[in-house]
Amino acid sequence: MTRNELYELIQRIQAQQSESNILELKSAAGGCPKRLYDTLSAFSNQDAGGIIVFGIEEKSYQVVGVYDVHDLQKKINEQCKQVTPIVRPVFTILELRDKYVLSAEIPSIDISERPCFYAGVGRIKGSYVRVGDSNEPMSEYEIYSYEAYRKKYEDDVRINHTADIKAIDQTMLGAYIQSIKDRNPKLSTLENTDIYKFMNMVIDGKPTLACTLLFSLYPQMFFPQYTINAMVIMGYEKGDMDYEGARFIDNRRIEGTLSDMLEEAIRFVSKNMNVKTIVDKHSGKRTDETEYPVTAIREAIINALVHRDYSIHTQSMPIEIVMYKDRIEISNPGGLYGRLSIDQLGKVQPDTRNPVIARALETLGITENRYSGIPTIRKQLQNSNMKAPVFSNSRREFKVTIYNRSSEHIIHDGQSTTYGSVGLISFCKEPKSRIEIANYLGITTIDWVMKHYINPLIEEGLLKMTKPSVPRSKNQKYYS
């Protein structure tokens, strides 16, 4: 960065008085911090990288200066050489009132080289991830997820050692093999047992995970948590209850093969979604409008079943379908695989985590396997005049959120806002705290209120803060 950019960054730091997921402050007035490894690792392991600013006191956010600019750079470089892969920081020096501030920009490393770790303690103990403004040790699973991509592990073809071929429905497996032969006449001369092996269904006489999930008589006999947990929540967050203390309107564990779970999950959602009947006043023709487009829901569930992580690290984690008053969330264990990012979804051909399962479901006619699922979800919601889906991703989970029409935007005093926000604007004619607003809305989760009500209204100019220079102040209030 340039000196002017560093100066502007320091001004923002002092105004906001906080660090972030890409920013860390170090005083360094009395010497070089001895432990930078966790920050170097954490910044290197995220796509955005990060910046360490030396010479600013971490609690008062005042410029205190560094002890020696040249020696500090030398010692930072020495620590950078002790992580694997080696980090190459970019330094910027700025003089402020006879004091020197030094920034070190830590670049992101390629995903094929992650995790970056402190070599002194090894990959398991020396790998870190940035969470908010702190550095947290990577979990064993987070480390594995990088290695699985780098080494191209195929968890869907690992052998199910606890089963034998008798556990597989031979009629279902036979129909699958016949479909393969029909599509590829040259394979019709081979024995079925040879095709089992070529298609990674049976290895050394044992069914693979893919074969078990697709064709077993009861897959959960071997993998109890490879299921879908489906539930309908009373309110807007888990834990919300009605006046009698009930938390769920419906709650079900969905089991069976992948195709069984897909169809049963669609039935669950269809049963629990609202349906509005519309009668044309001229023709008398009746049409039913579902709360969510069923095709979009189907694609989201297929994506969860096909692209979830099936490694041993996630064997205890089911897929979840949660229906709230204003939305449905479909989440699966394991974040986006490989280099794919949220903004690339549906636009580029992704790496496939479970290619054998994806190919089998294509052969069975359940999915197209042409990476059309996300575009279909978007198009279906657009055709229904609904909000675009929201995708969220972490190393441990990928989630699709589809909002129903109760959260649609309307025009209020010439500006766009939400149905639930109209009364809130009037409520905030006098400044109100976060808790007061949450109580007014009947929502117990403050973070949810901030994300879905207060922050959007601030962005639209419909709410203002009483302490705009300190957004996170515990005494902050909001007024219209």
Protein backbone atom coordinates (compact mmCIF):
# COMPACT_ATOMS: atom_id res chain seq x y z
CA MET A 1 0.00 0.00 0.00
CA THR A 2 1.04 3.62 -0.39
CA ARG A 3 1.83 5.94 2.50
CA ASN A 4 -1.44 7.79 1.88
CA GLU A 5 -3.37 4.51 2.04
CA LEU A 6 -1.63 3.60 5.31
CA TYR A 7 -2.47 7.04 6.72
CA GLU A 8 -6.14 6.61 5.77
CA LEU A 9 -6.12 3.11 7.31
CA ILE A 10 -4.81 4.51 10.61
CA GLN A 11 -7.58 7.11 10.61
CA ARG A 12 -10.22 4.38 10.11
CA ILE A 13 -8.67 2.29 12.88
CA GLN A 14 -8.87 5.19 15.33
CA ALA A 15 -12.43 6.05 14.28
CA GLN A 16 -13.73 2.48 14.51
CA GLN A 17 -11.48 1.46 17.41
CA SER A 18 -11.38 -2.17 16.44
CA GLU A 19 -9.39 -4.83 14.65
CA SER A 20 -10.99 -7.12 12.07
CA ASN A 21 -10.62 -10.38 10.22
CA ILE A 22 -8.03 -8.75 7.93
CA LEU A 23 -6.41 -6.33 10.38
CA GLU A 24 -4.27 -6.79 13.49
CA LEU A 25 -2.50 -4.17 15.59
CA LYS A 26 0.84 -4.55 17.39
CA SER A 27 2.46 -1.91 19.56
CA ALA A 28 6.15 -2.88 18.94
CA ALA A 29 7.30 0.19 20.90
CA GLY A 30 9.60 -1.92 23.05
CA GLY A 31 10.65 -4.54 20.48
CA CYS A 32 9.38 -6.98 17.91
CA PRO A 33 6.48 -9.16 19.11
CA LYS A 34 7.89 -12.64 19.65
CA ARG A 35 4.85 -14.57 18.47
CA LEU A 36 3.54 -13.58 15.06
CA TYR A 37 3.19 -17.14 13.78
CA ASP A 38 -0.51 -17.48 14.51
CA THR A 39 -1.36 -14.23 12.68
CA LEU A 40 0.93 -15.04 9.74
CA SER A 41 -0.74 -18.45 9.43
CA ALA A 42 -4.30 -17.15 9.83
CA PHE A 43 -3.94 -14.32 7.30
CA SER A 44 -2.19 -16.59 4.78
CA ASN A 45 -4.97 -19.16 5.05
CA GLN A 46 -7.78 -16.79 4.03
CA ASP A 47 -8.52 -15.51 0.56
CA ALA A 48 -8.25 -11.85 1.56
CA GLY A 49 -4.89 -12.15 3.32
CA GLY A 50 -4.42 -9.49 5.99
CA ILE A 51 -2.47 -6.49 7.30
CA ILE A 52 -0.48 -6.21 10.54
CA VAL A 53 0.07 -2.60 11.63
CA PHE A 54 2.95 -2.05 14.05
CA GLY A 55 3.21 1.10 16.13
CA ILE A 56 -0.42 1.44 17.28
CA GLU A 57 -1.37 0.56 20.85
CA GLU A 58 -3.89 -2.29 20.80
CA LYS A 59 -6.24 -0.95 23.50
CA SER A 60 -6.11 2.83 23.16
CA TYR A 61 -5.60 2.78 19.37
CA GLN A 62 -3.11 5.62 19.74
CA VAL A 63 0.06 5.90 17.65
CA VAL A 64 3.01 4.95 19.90
CA GLY A 65 5.56 4.26 17.15
CA VAL A 66 7.91 1.31 16.72
CA TYR A 67 11.28 0.91 18.41
CA ASP A 68 13.35 0.59 15.20
CA VAL A 69 11.84 0.36 11.71
CA HIS A 70 14.75 -1.46 10.08
CA ASP A 71 15.35 -3.98 12.86
CA LEU A 72 11.61 -4.66 13.11
CA GLN A 73 11.38 -5.53 9.42
CA LYS A 74 14.36 -7.86 9.78
CA LYS A 75 12.83 -9.71 12.72
CA ILE A 76 9.40 -9.95 11.11
CA ASN A 77 11.05 -11.53 8.06
CA GLU A 78 12.83 -14.02 10.31
CA GLN A 79 9.48 -15.17 11.70
CA CYS A 80 7.97 -15.28 8.19
CA LYS A 81 10.66 -17.77 7.20
CA GLN A 82 9.61 -20.09 10.00
CA VAL A 83 6.16 -20.77 8.58
CA THR A 84 5.43 -23.19 5.73
CA PRO A 85 5.03 -22.07 2.98
CA ILE A 86 7.30 -19.07 3.68
CA VAL A 87 5.43 -15.76 3.86
CA ARG A 88 6.68 -12.77 1.86
CA PRO A 89 5.27 -9.61 3.51
CA VAL A 90 5.06 -6.22 1.80
CA PHE A 91 6.14 -3.38 4.10
CA THR A 92 5.08 0.28 4.16
CA ILE A 93 6.64 2.90 6.47
CA LEU A 94 4.88 6.07 7.58
CA GLU A 95 6.16 8.85 9.85
CA LEU A 96 3.58 10.52 12.08
CA ARG A 97 4.64 13.27 14.51
CA ASP A 98 8.22 11.94 14.84
CA LYS A 99 6.95 8.39 15.30
CA TYR A 100 7.10 5.59 12.78
CA VAL A 101 4.29 3.17 11.90
CA LEU A 102 5.05 0.03 9.89
CA SER A 103 2.48 -2.06 8.03
CA ALA A 104 3.10 -5.61 6.84
CA GLU A 105 0.71 -6.87 4.19
CA ILE A 106 0.41 -10.67 4.42
CA PRO A 107 -0.66 -12.17 1.09
CA SER A 108 -3.04 -15.09 0.77
CA ILE A 109 -1.44 -18.34 -0.35
CA ASP A 110 -2.93 -20.54 -3.04
CA ILE A 111 -5.50 -23.03 -1.80
CA SER A 112 -3.37 -25.90 -3.12
CA GLU A 113 -0.66 -24.92 -0.61
CA ARG A 114 -2.87 -24.45 2.45
CA PRO A 115 -2.77 -24.67 5.35
CA CYS A 116 0.12 -22.34 6.06
CA PHE A 117 1.54 -23.36 9.46
CA TYR A 118 4.32 -22.66 11.95
CA ALA A 119 6.97 -25.26 11.14
CA GLY A 120 8.22 -25.27 14.73
CA VAL A 121 5.19 -27.25 15.97
CA GLY A 122 3.96 -28.86 12.73
CA ARG A 123 0.83 -28.76 10.60
CA ILE A 124 -1.65 -29.96 13.23
CA LYS A 125 -0.71 -27.56 16.03
CA GLY A 126 0.67 -24.73 13.93
CA SER A 127 -2.23 -24.01 11.54
CA TYR A 128 -4.51 -21.06 12.35
CA VAL A 129 -7.66 -19.48 10.97
CA ARG A 130 -8.93 -15.94 11.46
CA VAL A 131 -12.23 -15.66 13.35
CA GLY A 132 -13.35 -12.06 13.74
CA ASP A 133 -10.35 -10.25 15.22
CA SER A 134 -8.71 -13.30 16.77
CA ASN A 135 -6.59 -16.20 15.57
CA GLU A 136 -7.96 -19.65 16.37
CA PRO A 137 -6.22 -23.02 15.92
CA MET A 138 -7.56 -24.87 12.91
CA SER A 139 -9.60 -27.95 13.72
CA GLU A 140 -8.43 -31.31 12.48
CA TYR A 141 -11.28 -31.24 9.98
CA GLU A 142 -10.35 -27.81 8.61
CA ILE A 143 -6.81 -29.04 8.00
CA TYR A 144 -8.15 -32.22 6.40
CA SER A 145 -10.43 -30.28 4.06
CA TYR A 146 -7.44 -28.53 2.51
CA GLU A 147 -5.47 -31.77 2.25
CA ALA A 148 -8.44 -33.57 0.72
CA TYR A 149 -8.48 -31.07 -2.13
CA ARG A 150 -4.70 -30.96 -2.55
CA LYS A 151 -4.36 -34.76 -2.62
CA LYS A 152 -7.68 -35.33 -4.43
CA TYR A 153 -9.14 -37.69 -1.85
CA GLU A 154 -12.33 -39.40 -3.03
CA ASP A 155 -14.31 -40.12 0.10
CA ASP A 156 -17.32 -41.40 -1.82
CA VAL A 157 -15.32 -44.44 -2.99
CA ARG A 158 -13.84 -45.44 0.35
CA ILE A 159 -14.63 -49.03 1.16
CA ASN A 160 -17.44 -49.83 3.58
CA HIS A 161 -15.58 -52.51 5.52
CA THR A 162 -18.55 -53.27 7.78
CA ALA A 163 -20.78 -54.41 4.88
CA ASP A 164 -20.73 -57.03 2.16
CA ILE A 165 -22.50 -57.32 -1.16
CA LYS A 166 -25.53 -58.92 0.54
CA ALA A 167 -26.36 -55.53 2.06
CA ILE A 168 -26.91 -54.08 -1.43
CA ASP A 169 -30.27 -54.22 -3.20
CA GLN A 170 -29.29 -56.28 -6.24
CA THR A 171 -32.34 -55.16 -8.23
CA MET A 172 -31.43 -51.48 -7.81
CA LEU A 173 -27.75 -52.06 -8.52
CA GLY A 174 -28.61 -54.23 -11.51
CA ALA A 175 -30.85 -51.50 -12.98
CA TYR A 176 -28.00 -49.02 -12.59
CA ILE A 177 -25.53 -51.31 -14.35
CA GLN A 178 -28.03 -51.92 -17.15
CA SER A 179 -28.40 -48.14 -17.60
CA ILE A 180 -24.64 -47.89 -17.98
CA LYS A 181 -24.63 -50.66 -20.58
CA ASP A 182 -27.47 -49.02 -22.48
CA ARG A 183 -25.53 -45.78 -22.67
CA ASN A 184 -22.24 -47.47 -23.47
CA PRO A 185 -22.82 -50.49 -25.75
CA LYS A 186 -19.12 -51.42 -25.65
CA LEU A 187 -19.52 -52.29 -21.98
CA SER A 188 -22.33 -54.77 -22.66
CA THR A 189 -19.81 -57.57 -23.23
CA LEU A 190 -18.35 -57.19 -19.73
CA GLU A 191 -19.49 -59.06 -16.65
CA ASN A 192 -21.45 -57.04 -14.14
CA THR A 193 -18.79 -57.68 -11.51
CA ASP A 194 -16.20 -55.99 -13.73
CA ILE A 195 -18.43 -52.96 -14.21
CA TYR A 196 -18.96 -52.81 -10.43
CA LYS A 197 -15.22 -52.31 -10.11
CA PHE A 198 -14.84 -49.88 -13.00
CA MET A 199 -17.66 -47.69 -11.67
CA ASN A 200 -16.24 -47.81 -8.10
CA MET A 201 -19.30 -49.57 -6.71
CA VAL A 202 -17.56 -52.67 -5.32
CA ILE A 203 -13.86 -52.96 -4.47
CA ASP A 204 -12.29 -56.22 -3.27
CA GLY A 205 -15.75 -57.67 -2.75
CA LYS A 206 -16.85 -54.81 -0.48
CA PRO A 207 -19.33 -52.07 -1.41
CA THR A 208 -18.00 -48.53 -1.46
CA LEU A 209 -19.62 -45.65 0.38
CA ALA A 210 -21.25 -44.49 -2.87
CA CYS A 211 -22.71 -47.94 -3.50
CA THR A 212 -23.99 -48.11 0.08
CA LEU A 213 -25.68 -44.71 -0.04
CA LEU A 214 -27.21 -45.33 -3.46
CA PHE A 215 -28.27 -48.98 -3.35
CA SER A 216 -28.10 -50.33 0.21
CA LEU A 217 -31.24 -51.81 1.73
CA TYR A 218 -30.73 -49.44 4.69
CA PRO A 219 -27.63 -47.18 4.49
CA GLN A 220 -28.10 -45.85 8.03
CA MET A 221 -27.35 -49.33 9.36
CA PHE A 222 -23.71 -48.50 8.53
CA PHE A 223 -23.75 -44.69 8.64
CA PRO A 224 -26.42 -43.60 11.17
CA GLN A 225 -25.89 -39.85 10.72
CA TYR A 226 -25.85 -39.72 6.93
CA THR A 227 -29.42 -38.46 7.11
CA ILE A 228 -31.45 -35.29 6.76
CA ASN A 229 -32.76 -33.63 9.91
CA ALA A 230 -35.84 -31.62 8.90
CA MET A 231 -37.71 -29.31 11.23
CA VAL A 232 -40.24 -26.48 11.23
CA ILE A 233 -39.45 -23.77 13.80
CA MET A 234 -42.04 -21.71 15.63
CA GLY A 235 -40.40 -18.36 14.98
CA TYR A 236 -37.37 -16.76 13.36
CA GLU A 237 -34.55 -18.57 15.19
CA LYS A 238 -33.91 -21.96 16.76
CA GLY A 239 -35.11 -21.86 20.34
CA ASP A 240 -38.11 -19.64 19.63
CA MET A 241 -41.22 -21.08 21.31
CA ASP A 242 -44.95 -20.53 21.30
CA TYR A 243 -46.91 -19.58 24.40
CA GLU A 244 -47.13 -23.25 25.44
CA GLY A 245 -43.36 -23.77 25.16
CA ALA A 246 -43.42 -25.82 21.94
CA ARG A 247 -40.32 -25.34 19.77
CA PHE A 248 -41.22 -27.35 16.67
CA ILE A 249 -44.28 -27.49 14.47
CA ASP A 250 -42.81 -30.56 12.77
CA ASN A 251 -39.57 -32.42 13.34
CA ARG A 252 -38.34 -35.44 11.41
CA ARG A 253 -35.23 -37.51 10.72
CA ILE A 254 -35.24 -38.56 7.06
CA GLU A 255 -33.43 -41.79 6.19
CA GLY A 256 -32.93 -44.20 3.29
CA THR A 257 -30.90 -44.08 0.11
CA LEU A 258 -29.97 -40.77 -1.45
CA SER A 259 -32.98 -40.92 -3.78
CA ASP A 260 -35.27 -41.93 -0.88
CA MET A 261 -34.08 -38.99 1.21
CA LEU A 262 -34.50 -36.57 -1.69
CA GLU A 263 -38.14 -37.50 -2.30
CA GLU A 264 -39.01 -37.67 1.39
CA ALA A 265 -37.41 -34.27 2.04
CA ILE A 266 -39.43 -32.69 -0.77
CA ARG A 267 -42.60 -34.21 0.72
CA PHE A 268 -41.70 -32.79 4.13
CA VAL A 269 -41.20 -29.27 2.79
CA SER A 270 -44.30 -29.45 0.59
CA LYS A 271 -46.42 -30.57 3.53
CA ASN A 272 -45.21 -27.76 5.77
CA MET A 273 -45.15 -24.84 3.37
CA ASN A 274 -48.09 -22.48 2.99
CA VAL A 275 -50.16 -22.55 -0.18
CA LYS A 276 -52.14 -19.50 -1.30
CA THR A 277 -55.17 -20.08 -3.52
CA ILE A 278 -55.76 -17.40 -6.13
CA VAL A 279 -59.06 -17.21 -8.03
CA ASP A 280 -59.13 -15.06 -11.17
CA LYS A 281 -62.06 -12.64 -10.74
CA HIS A 282 -62.80 -12.69 -14.47
CA SER A 283 -62.36 -16.35 -15.46
CA GLY A 284 -62.89 -17.97 -12.07
CA LYS A 285 -59.78 -20.07 -12.72
CA ARG A 286 -58.09 -21.24 -9.56
CA THR A 287 -54.30 -21.41 -9.16
CA ASP A 288 -52.25 -22.40 -6.14
CA GLU A 289 -49.13 -20.40 -5.23
CA THR A 290 -46.70 -22.30 -2.98
CA GLU A 291 -44.63 -20.52 -0.38
CA TYR A 292 -41.45 -21.72 -2.10
CA PRO A 293 -40.94 -22.98 -5.68
CA VAL A 294 -40.72 -26.76 -5.34
CA THR A 295 -38.20 -27.03 -8.17
CA ALA A 296 -35.85 -24.63 -6.38
CA ILE A 297 -36.18 -26.61 -3.14
CA ARG A 298 -35.47 -29.86 -5.00
CA GLU A 299 -32.29 -28.47 -6.53
CA ALA A 300 -31.07 -27.18 -3.17
CA ILE A 301 -31.62 -30.58 -1.53
CA ILE A 302 -29.90 -32.40 -4.42
CA ASN A 303 -26.91 -30.09 -4.08
CA ALA A 304 -26.71 -30.85 -0.36
CA LEU A 305 -26.85 -34.63 -0.94
CA VAL A 306 -24.36 -34.65 -3.81
CA HIS A 307 -21.83 -32.09 -2.58
CA ARG A 308 -21.77 -32.63 1.18
CA ASP A 309 -18.55 -33.88 2.73
CA TYR A 310 -18.73 -37.65 3.22
CA SER A 311 -15.37 -37.97 4.99
CA ILE A 312 -14.96 -39.69 8.34
CA HIS A 313 -14.66 -36.22 9.90
CA THR A 314 -18.31 -35.44 9.15
CA GLN A 315 -19.88 -38.88 9.70
CA SER A 316 -21.76 -37.57 12.74
CA MET A 317 -23.17 -34.53 10.92
CA PRO A 318 -26.51 -34.77 9.08
CA ILE A 319 -27.83 -32.43 6.43
CA GLU A 320 -30.32 -29.93 7.90
CA ILE A 321 -33.51 -28.46 6.49
CA VAL A 322 -34.95 -25.80 8.79
CA MET A 323 -38.15 -23.94 7.97
CA TYR A 324 -38.66 -20.63 9.79
CA LYS A 325 -41.51 -18.14 9.55
CA ASP A 326 -39.72 -16.06 6.94
CA ARG A 327 -37.29 -18.48 5.27
CA ILE A 328 -36.02 -22.00 4.71
CA GLU A 329 -32.38 -22.95 5.27
CA ILE A 330 -30.78 -26.04 3.72
CA SER A 331 -27.27 -26.72 4.99
CA ASN A 332 -24.78 -29.53 4.50
CA PRO A 333 -21.50 -30.46 6.20
CA GLY A 334 -18.46 -29.26 4.31
CA GLY A 335 -17.96 -25.89 2.66
CA LEU A 336 -17.47 -25.20 -1.02
CA TYR A 337 -14.92 -27.58 -2.47
CA GLY A 338 -11.62 -26.48 -3.98
CA ARG A 339 -11.23 -23.04 -5.53
CA LEU A 340 -14.93 -22.32 -5.92
CA SER A 341 -16.14 -19.14 -4.19
CA ILE A 342 -19.62 -17.81 -3.44
CA ASP A 343 -19.54 -15.27 -6.27
CA GLN A 344 -18.64 -18.00 -8.78
CA LEU A 345 -21.59 -20.24 -7.95
CA GLY A 346 -23.48 -21.19 -11.08
CA LYS A 347 -21.03 -19.30 -13.30
CA VAL A 348 -18.00 -21.60 -13.53
CA GLN A 349 -17.56 -25.35 -13.61
CA PRO A 350 -16.58 -26.38 -10.09
CA ASP A 351 -14.37 -29.18 -8.83
CA THR A 352 -16.53 -32.10 -7.74
CA ARG A 353 -16.07 -33.47 -4.25
CA ASN A 354 -18.03 -36.69 -4.89
CA PRO A 355 -17.69 -37.51 -8.62
CA VAL A 356 -18.90 -41.12 -8.34
CA ILE A 357 -22.13 -40.14 -6.58
CA ALA A 358 -22.69 -37.27 -9.03
CA ARG A 359 -22.18 -39.57 -12.04
CA ALA A 360 -24.46 -42.27 -10.61
CA LEU A 361 -27.31 -39.85 -9.93
CA GLU A 362 -26.96 -38.53 -13.47
CA THR A 363 -27.19 -42.07 -14.86
CA LEU A 364 -30.25 -42.72 -12.71
CA GLY A 365 -31.91 -39.57 -14.09
CA ILE A 366 -32.09 -37.83 -10.70
CA THR A 367 -29.75 -34.98 -11.57
CA GLU A 368 -28.32 -33.50 -14.74
CA ASN A 369 -24.76 -33.19 -13.38
CA ARG A 370 -24.30 -30.12 -15.59
CA TYR A 371 -23.82 -27.61 -12.77
CA SER A 372 -27.27 -26.16 -13.46
CA GLY A 373 -28.63 -26.44 -9.92
CA ILE A 374 -27.72 -22.95 -8.69
CA PRO A 375 -28.89 -21.19 -11.88
CA THR A 376 -32.16 -23.13 -11.65
CA ILE A 377 -32.71 -22.02 -8.05
CA ARG A 378 -32.07 -18.41 -8.98
CA LYS A 379 -34.31 -18.56 -12.03
CA GLN A 380 -37.19 -20.21 -10.19
CA LEU A 381 -37.14 -17.54 -7.47
CA GLN A 382 -36.91 -14.79 -10.04
CA ASN A 383 -39.90 -16.20 -11.95
CA SER A 384 -41.83 -16.27 -8.67
CA ASN A 385 -40.94 -12.62 -7.96
CA MET A 386 -39.05 -13.64 -4.83
CA LYS A 387 -35.74 -12.53 -3.37
CA ALA A 388 -32.56 -14.07 -4.74
CA PRO A 389 -31.22 -16.97 -2.65
CA VAL A 390 -28.51 -16.25 -0.10
CA PHE A 391 -25.49 -18.56 0.00
CA SER A 392 -23.12 -18.73 2.95
CA ASN A 393 -19.95 -20.77 3.20
CA SER A 394 -17.39 -21.82 5.80
CA ARG A 395 -14.88 -24.63 5.99
CA ARG A 396 -17.42 -26.73 7.92
CA GLU A 397 -20.75 -25.87 6.29
CA PHE A 398 -22.47 -24.62 3.15
CA LYS A 399 -25.94 -23.10 3.47
CA VAL A 400 -28.66 -22.00 1.07
CA THR A 401 -31.27 -19.59 2.45
CA ILE A 402 -34.49 -18.95 0.55
CA TYR A 403 -36.79 -16.23 1.85
CA ASN A 404 -40.55 -16.42 1.48
CA ARG A 405 -42.80 -13.52 0.58
CA SER A 406 -43.31 -12.40 4.18
CA SER A 407 -39.85 -10.84 3.98
CA GLU A 408 -40.36 -9.14 0.62
CA HIS A 409 -39.60 -5.45 0.20
CA ILE A 410 -42.33 -2.84 -0.08
CA ILE A 411 -42.29 0.92 -0.62
CA HIS A 412 -42.53 3.05 2.55
CA ASP A 413 -42.38 6.84 2.28
CA GLY A 414 -40.79 6.47 -1.13
CA GLN A 415 -38.09 4.04 0.02
CA SER A 416 -37.70 0.27 0.00
CA THR A 417 -38.01 -1.53 3.32
CA THR A 418 -39.47 -4.75 4.72
CA TYR A 419 -42.96 -5.55 5.96
CA GLY A 420 -41.72 -6.04 9.52
CA SER A 421 -39.73 -2.82 9.40
CA VAL A 422 -42.63 -0.42 8.74
CA GLY A 423 -43.82 -0.41 12.34
CA LEU A 424 -40.23 -0.42 13.55
CA ILE A 425 -39.57 2.93 11.90
CA SER A 426 -42.45 4.47 13.84
CA PHE A 427 -41.34 2.70 17.02
CA CYS A 428 -37.90 4.34 16.71
CA LYS A 429 -39.12 7.94 16.55
CA GLU A 430 -37.54 8.05 19.99
CA PRO A 431 -34.05 6.40 20.20
CA LYS A 432 -34.23 2.71 21.07
CA SER A 433 -31.55 0.21 22.10
CA ARG A 434 -30.89 -3.13 20.38
CA ILE A 435 -32.69 -4.97 23.16
CA GLU A 436 -35.73 -2.67 23.00
CA ILE A 437 -35.97 -3.21 19.23
CA ALA A 438 -35.62 -6.98 19.61
CA ASN A 439 -38.37 -7.03 22.24
CA TYR A 440 -40.61 -4.94 19.98
CA LEU A 441 -40.11 -7.39 17.10
CA GLY A 442 -40.57 -10.41 19.37
CA ILE A 443 -37.17 -11.83 18.37
CA THR A 444 -34.77 -13.13 21.00
CA THR A 445 -31.56 -13.15 18.93
CA ILE A 446 -29.89 -9.72 18.88
CA ASP A 447 -27.49 -10.63 16.04
CA TRP A 448 -30.47 -11.59 13.85
CA VAL A 449 -32.17 -8.25 14.58
CA MET A 450 -28.98 -6.35 13.72
CA LYS A 451 -28.39 -8.27 10.49
CA HIS A 452 -31.94 -8.38 9.13
CA TYR A 453 -33.58 -5.22 10.51
CA ILE A 454 -31.31 -2.55 11.99
CA ASN A 455 -28.35 -2.65 9.58
CA PRO A 456 -30.48 -2.72 6.39
CA LEU A 457 -32.52 0.26 7.64
CA ILE A 458 -29.31 2.16 8.48
CA GLU A 459 -28.01 1.47 4.95
CA GLU A 460 -31.27 2.77 3.49
CA GLY A 461 -31.08 5.91 5.62
CA LEU A 462 -34.27 5.07 7.52
CA LEU A 463 -32.52 4.62 10.88
CA LYS A 464 -29.62 6.57 12.36
CA MET A 465 -27.25 5.90 15.27
CA THR A 466 -26.99 8.12 18.32
CA LYS A 467 -23.24 7.35 18.44
CA PRO A 468 -22.22 7.02 14.76
CA SER A 469 -18.49 7.33 15.55
CA VAL A 470 -18.65 4.23 17.77
CA PRO A 471 -20.99 1.80 15.97
CA ARG A 472 -20.39 -1.05 18.43
CA SER A 473 -20.93 0.99 21.58
CA LYS A 474 -22.94 -0.86 24.22
CA ASN A 475 -24.87 2.36 24.71
CA GLN A 476 -25.76 2.68 21.03
CA LYS A 477 -29.34 3.58 20.19
CA TYR A 478 -31.20 3.95 16.91
CA TYR A 479 -33.78 6.50 15.79
CA SER A 480 -35.82 7.25 12.68
